[in-house]
Amino acid sequence: MKLRLDRETCQGHGRCYALTPELFDCDDEGYAVLKMASDLAPELLDAARLAVDNCPEYAITLEDA
């Protein structure tokens, strides 16, 4: 699975990096930054789903690689 972040849709609510700091960070303006560009390790899938489910702008998606 691969985690995707649509930076144009992100409005900087910060839920993703607050809930899943292993997957997300924030830039200097408070917008999300995805830490990994490769396929997710199986142990990170639950965290990825948590981020997807908590993004109010639906800027985060989980896709088959």
N, C-alpha and C. Protein backbone atom coordinates (compact mmCIF):
# COMPACT_ATOMS: atom_id res chain seq x y z
N MET A 1 0.84 -1.17 0.00
CA MET A 1 0.00 0.00 0.00
C MET A 1 0.89 1.25 0.00
N LYS A 2 0.36 2.29 -0.57
CA LYS A 2 1.10 3.55 -0.66
C LYS A 2 0.21 4.69 -0.13
N LEU A 3 0.80 5.52 0.67
CA LEU A 3 0.10 6.66 1.25
C LEU A 3 0.34 7.87 0.35
N ARG A 4 -0.73 8.60 0.06
CA ARG A 4 -0.62 9.78 -0.80
C ARG A 4 -1.17 11.00 -0.07
N LEU A 5 -0.54 12.12 -0.29
CA LEU A 5 -0.96 13.39 0.29
C LEU A 5 -1.14 14.40 -0.83
N ASP A 6 -2.33 14.96 -0.93
CA ASP A 6 -2.60 16.02 -1.90
C ASP A 6 -2.33 17.34 -1.19
N ARG A 7 -1.17 17.90 -1.42
CA ARG A 7 -0.76 19.12 -0.71
C ARG A 7 -1.62 20.33 -1.09
N GLU A 8 -2.23 20.32 -2.25
CA GLU A 8 -3.09 21.44 -2.64
C GLU A 8 -4.41 21.41 -1.88
N THR A 9 -4.84 20.23 -1.47
CA THR A 9 -6.09 20.07 -0.73
C THR A 9 -5.88 20.29 0.77
N CYS A 10 -4.69 19.99 1.25
CA CYS A 10 -4.36 20.12 2.67
C CYS A 10 -4.55 21.57 3.12
N GLN A 11 -5.22 21.75 4.26
CA GLN A 11 -5.41 23.09 4.80
C GLN A 11 -4.70 23.30 6.14
N GLY A 12 -3.85 22.36 6.51
CA GLY A 12 -3.00 22.55 7.68
C GLY A 12 -3.67 22.32 9.02
N HIS A 13 -4.68 21.48 9.07
CA HIS A 13 -5.34 21.19 10.35
C HIS A 13 -4.40 20.50 11.34
N GLY A 14 -3.46 19.71 10.84
CA GLY A 14 -2.44 19.10 11.69
C GLY A 14 -2.82 17.79 12.35
N ARG A 15 -3.97 17.27 12.04
CA ARG A 15 -4.37 16.00 12.65
C ARG A 15 -3.45 14.86 12.26
N CYS A 16 -3.02 14.83 11.01
CA CYS A 16 -2.19 13.73 10.54
C CYS A 16 -0.86 13.65 11.30
N TYR A 17 -0.19 14.77 11.44
CA TYR A 17 1.11 14.70 12.13
C TYR A 17 0.96 14.66 13.64
N ALA A 18 -0.19 15.08 14.16
CA ALA A 18 -0.43 14.93 15.60
C ALA A 18 -0.74 13.48 15.95
N LEU A 19 -1.50 12.80 15.10
CA LEU A 19 -1.90 11.41 15.36
C LEU A 19 -0.88 10.39 14.89
N THR A 20 -0.19 10.69 13.80
CA THR A 20 0.73 9.71 13.21
C THR A 20 2.07 10.36 12.86
N PRO A 21 2.83 10.77 13.87
CA PRO A 21 4.11 11.43 13.59
C PRO A 21 5.13 10.53 12.91
N GLU A 22 4.89 9.23 12.95
CA GLU A 22 5.79 8.32 12.25
C GLU A 22 5.61 8.40 10.73
N LEU A 23 4.49 8.98 10.28
CA LEU A 23 4.21 9.09 8.85
C LEU A 23 4.25 10.51 8.32
N PHE A 24 3.93 11.48 9.19
CA PHE A 24 3.81 12.87 8.74
C PHE A 24 4.62 13.82 9.61
N ASP A 25 5.00 14.92 9.00
CA ASP A 25 5.62 16.04 9.68
C ASP A 25 4.92 17.28 9.15
N CYS A 26 5.34 18.44 9.59
CA CYS A 26 4.75 19.66 9.04
C CYS A 26 5.87 20.57 8.53
N ASP A 27 5.50 21.39 7.57
CA ASP A 27 6.47 22.35 7.04
C ASP A 27 6.43 23.63 7.89
N ASP A 28 7.15 24.63 7.48
CA ASP A 28 7.25 25.88 8.24
C ASP A 28 5.93 26.65 8.32
N GLU A 29 5.00 26.33 7.43
CA GLU A 29 3.71 27.01 7.42
C GLU A 29 2.61 26.17 8.09
N GLY A 30 2.96 24.99 8.60
CA GLY A 30 1.99 24.16 9.30
C GLY A 30 1.25 23.16 8.43
N TYR A 31 1.67 23.01 7.19
CA TYR A 31 1.03 22.05 6.30
C TYR A 31 1.73 20.70 6.38
N ALA A 32 0.98 19.66 6.13
CA ALA A 32 1.50 18.29 6.24
C ALA A 32 2.58 18.01 5.20
N VAL A 33 3.53 17.20 5.63
CA VAL A 33 4.59 16.69 4.77
C VAL A 33 4.67 15.19 5.02
N LEU A 34 4.58 14.41 3.97
CA LEU A 34 4.68 12.96 4.07
C LEU A 34 6.14 12.56 4.24
N LYS A 35 6.42 11.77 5.24
CA LYS A 35 7.81 11.39 5.54
C LYS A 35 8.33 10.29 4.63
N MET A 36 7.45 9.44 4.09
CA MET A 36 7.93 8.33 3.28
C MET A 36 7.24 8.29 1.93
N ALA A 37 8.04 8.09 0.89
CA ALA A 37 7.50 8.05 -0.46
C ALA A 37 7.39 6.62 -0.98
N SER A 38 7.91 5.68 -0.24
CA SER A 38 7.90 4.28 -0.68
C SER A 38 6.66 3.56 -0.16
N ASP A 39 6.55 2.29 -0.51
CA ASP A 39 5.44 1.48 -0.02
C ASP A 39 5.50 1.39 1.50
N LEU A 40 4.33 1.35 2.10
CA LEU A 40 4.25 1.28 3.56
C LEU A 40 4.60 -0.11 4.07
N ALA A 41 5.31 -0.14 5.17
CA ALA A 41 5.55 -1.41 5.86
C ALA A 41 4.23 -1.84 6.48
N PRO A 42 3.96 -3.14 6.55
CA PRO A 42 2.69 -3.63 7.10
C PRO A 42 2.37 -3.10 8.49
N GLU A 43 3.38 -2.88 9.31
CA GLU A 43 3.13 -2.41 10.67
C GLU A 43 2.68 -0.94 10.72
N LEU A 44 2.75 -0.23 9.60
CA LEU A 44 2.31 1.17 9.55
C LEU A 44 0.93 1.35 8.94
N LEU A 45 0.30 0.27 8.51
CA LEU A 45 -1.01 0.38 7.85
C LEU A 45 -2.08 0.93 8.78
N ASP A 46 -2.10 0.51 10.02
CA ASP A 46 -3.11 1.02 10.96
C ASP A 46 -2.93 2.53 11.17
N ALA A 47 -1.69 2.97 11.28
CA ALA A 47 -1.42 4.41 11.44
C ALA A 47 -1.85 5.16 10.18
N ALA A 48 -1.60 4.60 9.02
CA ALA A 48 -2.00 5.24 7.77
C ALA A 48 -3.51 5.36 7.68
N ARG A 49 -4.23 4.33 8.06
CA ARG A 49 -5.69 4.38 8.05
C ARG A 49 -6.22 5.43 9.03
N LEU A 50 -5.56 5.55 10.17
CA LEU A 50 -5.93 6.56 11.16
C LEU A 50 -5.79 7.97 10.56
N ALA A 51 -4.71 8.20 9.86
CA ALA A 51 -4.49 9.51 9.22
C ALA A 51 -5.54 9.77 8.15
N VAL A 52 -5.81 8.78 7.33
CA VAL A 52 -6.83 8.93 6.27
C VAL A 52 -8.18 9.25 6.88
N ASP A 53 -8.56 8.50 7.91
CA ASP A 53 -9.87 8.67 8.54
C ASP A 53 -10.04 10.00 9.26
N ASN A 54 -8.94 10.63 9.63
CA ASN A 54 -9.03 11.86 10.42
C ASN A 54 -8.72 13.14 9.65
N CYS A 55 -8.49 13.04 8.37
CA CYS A 55 -8.22 14.23 7.56
C CYS A 55 -9.55 14.86 7.16
N PRO A 56 -9.87 16.06 7.67
CA PRO A 56 -11.15 16.68 7.34
C PRO A 56 -11.27 17.13 5.89
N GLU A 57 -10.17 17.26 5.21
CA GLU A 57 -10.19 17.71 3.81
C GLU A 57 -10.05 16.55 2.82
N TYR A 58 -9.92 15.32 3.33
CA TYR A 58 -9.72 14.13 2.48
C TYR A 58 -8.50 14.29 1.58
N ALA A 59 -7.46 14.92 2.13
CA ALA A 59 -6.23 15.14 1.38
C ALA A 59 -5.30 13.93 1.42
N ILE A 60 -5.61 12.97 2.28
CA ILE A 60 -4.76 11.77 2.45
C ILE A 60 -5.52 10.57 1.95
N THR A 61 -4.86 9.78 1.11
CA THR A 61 -5.47 8.56 0.60
C THR A 61 -4.48 7.41 0.72
N LEU A 62 -5.03 6.23 0.79
CA LEU A 62 -4.25 4.99 0.85
C LEU A 62 -4.59 4.20 -0.40
N GLU A 63 -3.58 3.87 -1.19
CA GLU A 63 -3.81 3.21 -2.48
C GLU A 63 -2.97 1.95 -2.59
N ASP A 64 -3.45 1.04 -3.42
CA ASP A 64 -2.64 -0.14 -3.74
C ASP A 64 -1.42 0.30 -4.52
N ALA A 65 -0.30 -0.29 -4.20
CA ALA A 65 0.96 0.10 -4.86
C ALA A 65 1.06 -0.49 -6.25
